[in-house]
């Protein structure tokens, strides 16, 4: 599966403006607020918050969300990973995250 096909079949929200940027920055800066399902990653030299929500009930899988607070904008990238190709799709999503460029 190509990254283009994968992204067409995924939920990717590229920009959310004025959505509580301070909340994301506080979580990124304070490791006590991270919890087990969150981690701080770097996207294009900017610290970002990655959260994974695992569903083990009816339809096993997970949702991965990456929030990138920058200036007055929070960029959100999200993918739903369900079905047989979860691992491959997760690899595509992680590779996609490496290609993100934010104008500074």
N, C-alpha and C. Protein backbone atom coordinates (compact mmCIF):
# COMPACT_ATOMS: atom_id res chain seq x y z
N UNK A 1 0.85 -1.17 0.00
CA UNK A 1 0.00 0.00 0.00
C UNK A 1 0.90 1.24 0.00
N UNK A 2 0.67 2.16 -0.91
CA UNK A 2 1.47 3.38 -0.96
C UNK A 2 1.01 4.35 0.12
N UNK A 3 1.89 5.28 0.47
CA UNK A 3 1.53 6.27 1.48
C UNK A 3 0.36 7.12 1.01
N UNK A 4 0.27 7.40 -0.29
CA UNK A 4 -0.84 8.20 -0.81
C UNK A 4 -2.16 7.45 -0.60
N UNK A 5 -2.20 6.17 -0.95
CA UNK A 5 -3.43 5.40 -0.74
C UNK A 5 -3.76 5.31 0.74
N UNK A 6 -2.74 5.12 1.55
CA UNK A 6 -2.96 5.02 2.99
C UNK A 6 -3.58 6.32 3.51
N UNK A 7 -3.03 7.47 3.10
CA UNK A 7 -3.53 8.73 3.61
C UNK A 7 -4.92 9.04 3.11
N UNK A 8 -5.26 8.60 1.90
CA UNK A 8 -6.61 8.80 1.40
C UNK A 8 -7.62 8.01 2.22
N UNK A 9 -7.19 6.91 2.81
CA UNK A 9 -8.08 6.07 3.59
C UNK A 9 -7.99 6.35 5.08
N UNK A 10 -7.26 7.36 5.48
CA UNK A 10 -7.08 7.69 6.89
C UNK A 10 -7.76 9.01 7.21
N UNK A 11 -7.96 9.23 8.50
CA UNK A 11 -8.45 10.52 8.96
C UNK A 11 -7.23 11.37 9.26
N UNK A 12 -6.98 12.36 8.44
CA UNK A 12 -5.87 13.28 8.67
C UNK A 12 -6.44 14.68 8.73
N UNK A 13 -6.37 15.28 9.90
CA UNK A 13 -6.82 16.65 10.08
C UNK A 13 -5.56 17.49 10.14
N UNK A 14 -5.42 18.41 9.21
CA UNK A 14 -4.15 19.09 9.09
C UNK A 14 -4.05 20.32 9.99
N UNK A 15 -5.06 21.13 10.08
CA UNK A 15 -4.91 22.35 10.87
C UNK A 15 -6.14 22.57 11.75
N UNK A 16 -5.89 22.88 13.00
CA UNK A 16 -6.93 23.36 13.90
C UNK A 16 -6.38 24.64 14.53
N UNK A 17 -7.10 25.72 14.43
CA UNK A 17 -6.63 27.00 14.96
C UNK A 17 -7.29 27.30 16.30
N UNK A 18 -6.51 27.96 17.16
CA UNK A 18 -7.02 28.44 18.45
C UNK A 18 -7.74 27.35 19.24
N UNK A 19 -7.09 26.22 19.41
CA UNK A 19 -7.73 25.11 20.11
C UNK A 19 -7.00 24.80 21.41
N UNK A 20 -6.75 25.80 22.22
CA UNK A 20 -6.13 25.57 23.51
C UNK A 20 -4.67 25.21 23.41
N UNK A 21 -3.92 25.97 22.65
CA UNK A 21 -2.51 25.67 22.42
C UNK A 21 -1.75 25.55 23.74
N UNK A 22 -2.13 26.34 24.75
CA UNK A 22 -1.44 26.30 26.04
C UNK A 22 -1.54 24.93 26.70
N UNK A 23 -2.66 24.25 26.53
CA UNK A 23 -2.84 22.92 27.12
C UNK A 23 -1.81 21.95 26.56
N UNK A 24 -1.64 21.95 25.25
CA UNK A 24 -0.69 21.04 24.62
C UNK A 24 0.74 21.37 25.03
N UNK A 25 1.06 22.64 25.09
CA UNK A 25 2.41 23.04 25.48
C UNK A 25 2.71 22.64 26.91
N UNK A 26 1.74 22.77 27.82
CA UNK A 26 1.94 22.37 29.22
C UNK A 26 2.19 20.87 29.33
N UNK A 27 1.42 20.08 28.59
CA UNK A 27 1.60 18.62 28.63
C UNK A 27 2.97 18.26 28.10
N UNK A 28 3.40 18.90 27.01
CA UNK A 28 4.71 18.61 26.42
C UNK A 28 5.83 18.97 27.39
N UNK A 29 5.68 20.07 28.12
CA UNK A 29 6.73 20.55 29.01
C UNK A 29 6.77 19.83 30.35
N UNK A 30 5.69 19.18 30.76
CA UNK A 30 5.64 18.53 32.08
C UNK A 30 5.45 17.03 31.92
N UNK A 31 6.52 16.24 32.06
CA UNK A 31 6.44 14.78 31.88
C UNK A 31 5.41 14.11 32.79
N UNK A 32 5.08 14.71 33.93
CA UNK A 32 4.10 14.13 34.84
C UNK A 32 2.71 14.06 34.21
N UNK A 33 2.47 14.93 33.24
CA UNK A 33 1.15 14.99 32.59
C UNK A 33 1.02 14.03 31.41
N UNK A 34 2.11 13.39 31.03
CA UNK A 34 2.09 12.54 29.83
C UNK A 34 1.24 11.29 30.00
N UNK A 35 1.42 10.55 31.07
CA UNK A 35 0.69 9.30 31.24
C UNK A 35 1.29 8.19 30.38
N UNK A 36 0.63 7.04 30.38
CA UNK A 36 1.14 5.86 29.67
C UNK A 36 0.93 5.91 28.17
N UNK A 37 -0.08 6.63 27.73
CA UNK A 37 -0.42 6.59 26.30
C UNK A 37 0.03 7.82 25.53
N UNK A 38 0.86 8.67 26.14
CA UNK A 38 1.34 9.88 25.48
C UNK A 38 2.86 9.92 25.49
N UNK A 39 3.40 10.53 24.46
CA UNK A 39 4.85 10.74 24.41
C UNK A 39 5.14 12.03 23.67
N UNK A 40 6.30 12.61 23.96
CA UNK A 40 6.73 13.80 23.27
C UNK A 40 7.64 13.36 22.12
N UNK A 41 7.31 13.83 20.92
CA UNK A 41 8.12 13.54 19.74
C UNK A 41 8.51 14.87 19.11
N UNK A 42 9.35 14.82 18.09
CA UNK A 42 9.75 16.03 17.40
C UNK A 42 9.33 15.95 15.94
N UNK A 43 8.66 17.02 15.48
CA UNK A 43 8.23 17.13 14.09
C UNK A 43 8.83 18.41 13.53
N UNK A 44 9.68 18.28 12.55
CA UNK A 44 10.31 19.43 11.90
C UNK A 44 10.95 20.37 12.93
N UNK A 45 11.60 19.79 13.93
CA UNK A 45 12.29 20.58 14.95
C UNK A 45 11.39 21.16 16.03
N UNK A 46 10.11 20.81 16.03
CA UNK A 46 9.15 21.33 17.00
C UNK A 46 8.67 20.18 17.88
N UNK A 47 8.64 20.39 19.20
CA UNK A 47 8.13 19.36 20.10
C UNK A 47 6.63 19.19 19.88
N UNK A 48 6.22 17.93 19.80
CA UNK A 48 4.81 17.59 19.55
C UNK A 48 4.36 16.54 20.54
N UNK A 49 3.07 16.41 20.70
CA UNK A 49 2.47 15.42 21.60
C UNK A 49 1.84 14.32 20.77
N UNK A 50 2.25 13.08 21.02
CA UNK A 50 1.66 11.93 20.33
C UNK A 50 0.89 11.11 21.36
N UNK A 51 -0.36 10.83 21.04
CA UNK A 51 -1.22 10.05 21.93
C UNK A 51 -1.76 8.84 21.18
N UNK A 52 -1.72 7.69 21.84
CA UNK A 52 -2.24 6.45 21.26
C UNK A 52 -3.37 5.94 22.15
N UNK A 53 -4.51 5.71 21.53
CA UNK A 53 -5.66 5.15 22.23
C UNK A 53 -5.91 3.76 21.66
N UNK A 54 -5.83 2.76 22.53
CA UNK A 54 -5.98 1.37 22.10
C UNK A 54 -7.40 0.90 22.40
N UNK A 55 -8.01 0.24 21.41
CA UNK A 55 -9.33 -0.37 21.56
C UNK A 55 -9.16 -1.88 21.46
N UNK A 56 -9.45 -2.58 22.52
CA UNK A 56 -9.28 -4.03 22.51
C UNK A 56 -10.63 -4.75 22.52
N UNK A 57 -11.72 -4.02 22.38
CA UNK A 57 -13.04 -4.63 22.47
C UNK A 57 -13.52 -5.14 21.12
N UNK A 58 -14.64 -4.69 20.63
CA UNK A 58 -15.29 -5.22 19.43
C UNK A 58 -14.41 -5.22 18.19
N UNK A 59 -13.74 -4.12 17.93
CA UNK A 59 -12.92 -3.98 16.73
C UNK A 59 -11.51 -3.60 17.16
N UNK A 60 -10.66 -4.59 17.51
CA UNK A 60 -9.33 -4.28 18.04
C UNK A 60 -8.52 -3.41 17.10
N UNK A 61 -7.88 -2.43 17.67
CA UNK A 61 -7.04 -1.51 16.91
C UNK A 61 -6.67 -0.33 17.77
N UNK A 62 -6.22 0.73 17.12
CA UNK A 62 -5.85 1.92 17.89
C UNK A 62 -5.95 3.16 17.02
N UNK A 63 -5.99 4.28 17.71
CA UNK A 63 -6.00 5.59 17.07
C UNK A 63 -4.73 6.30 17.52
N UNK A 64 -4.02 6.90 16.57
CA UNK A 64 -2.84 7.68 16.91
C UNK A 64 -3.08 9.12 16.49
N UNK A 65 -2.81 10.03 17.44
CA UNK A 65 -2.99 11.46 17.19
C UNK A 65 -1.70 12.18 17.53
N UNK A 66 -1.34 13.13 16.70
CA UNK A 66 -0.15 13.95 16.93
C UNK A 66 -0.57 15.41 16.88
N UNK A 67 -0.36 16.11 18.01
CA UNK A 67 -0.65 17.53 18.10
C UNK A 67 0.67 18.29 18.06
N UNK A 68 0.75 19.28 17.17
CA UNK A 68 1.95 20.10 17.05
C UNK A 68 1.56 21.55 17.35
N UNK A 69 1.81 22.03 18.56
CA UNK A 69 1.51 23.43 18.86
C UNK A 69 2.60 24.33 18.32
N UNK A 70 2.23 25.30 17.50
CA UNK A 70 3.20 26.21 16.92
C UNK A 70 2.55 27.57 16.72
N UNK A 71 3.16 28.59 17.29
CA UNK A 71 2.60 29.94 17.28
C UNK A 71 1.17 29.90 17.82
N UNK A 72 0.19 30.35 17.07
CA UNK A 72 -1.20 30.35 17.56
C UNK A 72 -2.02 29.22 16.95
N UNK A 73 -1.34 28.20 16.46
CA UNK A 73 -2.01 27.09 15.77
C UNK A 73 -1.61 25.76 16.38
N UNK A 74 -2.56 24.85 16.45
CA UNK A 74 -2.27 23.47 16.80
C UNK A 74 -2.56 22.63 15.56
N UNK A 75 -1.53 21.99 15.05
CA UNK A 75 -1.68 21.11 13.90
C UNK A 75 -1.98 19.71 14.44
N UNK A 76 -2.99 19.07 13.91
CA UNK A 76 -3.37 17.73 14.36
C UNK A 76 -3.36 16.76 13.19
N UNK A 77 -2.61 15.68 13.37
CA UNK A 77 -2.59 14.59 12.39
C UNK A 77 -3.09 13.35 13.13
N UNK A 78 -4.01 12.64 12.53
CA UNK A 78 -4.65 11.51 13.19
C UNK A 78 -4.83 10.37 12.21
N UNK A 79 -4.65 9.15 12.71
CA UNK A 79 -4.94 7.98 11.88
C UNK A 79 -5.62 6.92 12.74
N UNK A 80 -6.53 6.19 12.13
CA UNK A 80 -7.20 5.05 12.77
C UNK A 80 -6.56 3.78 12.24
N UNK A 81 -6.09 2.94 13.14
CA UNK A 81 -5.38 1.72 12.75
C UNK A 81 -6.19 0.51 13.19
N UNK A 82 -6.98 -0.02 12.28
CA UNK A 82 -7.81 -1.18 12.55
C UNK A 82 -7.66 -2.17 11.40
N UNK A 83 -7.93 -3.42 11.65
CA UNK A 83 -7.87 -4.42 10.59
C UNK A 83 -6.53 -5.11 10.51
N UNK A 84 -6.33 -5.82 9.42
CA UNK A 84 -5.16 -6.68 9.25
C UNK A 84 -3.86 -5.92 9.01
N UNK A 85 -3.92 -4.74 8.43
CA UNK A 85 -2.71 -4.02 8.03
C UNK A 85 -2.28 -2.96 9.04
N UNK A 86 -2.62 -3.13 10.31
CA UNK A 86 -2.32 -2.12 11.32
C UNK A 86 -0.85 -1.75 11.38
N UNK A 87 0.00 -2.74 11.44
CA UNK A 87 1.44 -2.48 11.59
C UNK A 87 1.99 -1.75 10.37
N UNK A 88 1.59 -2.18 9.18
CA UNK A 88 2.05 -1.54 7.95
C UNK A 88 1.54 -0.09 7.87
N UNK A 89 0.28 0.10 8.22
CA UNK A 89 -0.29 1.45 8.18
C UNK A 89 0.36 2.36 9.22
N UNK A 90 0.68 1.80 10.38
CA UNK A 90 1.37 2.59 11.41
C UNK A 90 2.75 3.02 10.90
N UNK A 91 3.45 2.13 10.22
CA UNK A 91 4.75 2.48 9.64
C UNK A 91 4.60 3.59 8.61
N UNK A 92 3.56 3.51 7.76
CA UNK A 92 3.30 4.56 6.77
C UNK A 92 3.04 5.90 7.47
N UNK A 93 2.23 5.86 8.52
CA UNK A 93 1.90 7.08 9.25
C UNK A 93 3.16 7.68 9.87
N UNK A 94 3.98 6.85 10.51
CA UNK A 94 5.21 7.35 11.13
C UNK A 94 6.17 7.91 10.08
N UNK A 95 6.25 7.27 8.92
CA UNK A 95 7.08 7.80 7.84
C UNK A 95 6.52 9.13 7.32
N UNK A 96 5.20 9.22 7.23
CA UNK A 96 4.56 10.46 6.82
C UNK A 96 4.90 11.59 7.79
N UNK A 97 4.88 11.31 9.10
CA UNK A 97 5.19 12.33 10.10
C UNK A 97 6.58 12.91 9.89
N UNK A 98 7.50 12.09 9.41
CA UNK A 98 8.88 12.54 9.17
C UNK A 98 8.96 13.53 8.01
N UNK A 99 7.94 13.56 7.15
CA UNK A 99 7.96 14.44 5.98
C UNK A 99 7.30 15.79 6.23
N UNK A 100 6.70 15.98 7.39
CA UNK A 100 5.96 17.22 7.68
C UNK A 100 6.93 18.38 7.79
N UNK A 101 6.56 19.47 7.11
CA UNK A 101 7.34 20.69 7.17
C UNK A 101 6.42 21.83 7.54
N UNK A 102 6.78 22.58 8.58
CA UNK A 102 5.96 23.69 9.03
C UNK A 102 6.73 24.99 8.74
N UNK A 103 6.07 25.90 8.05
CA UNK A 103 6.71 27.18 7.75
C UNK A 103 6.95 27.95 9.05
N UNK A 104 8.18 28.38 9.20
CA UNK A 104 8.55 29.09 10.43
C UNK A 104 8.81 30.55 10.15
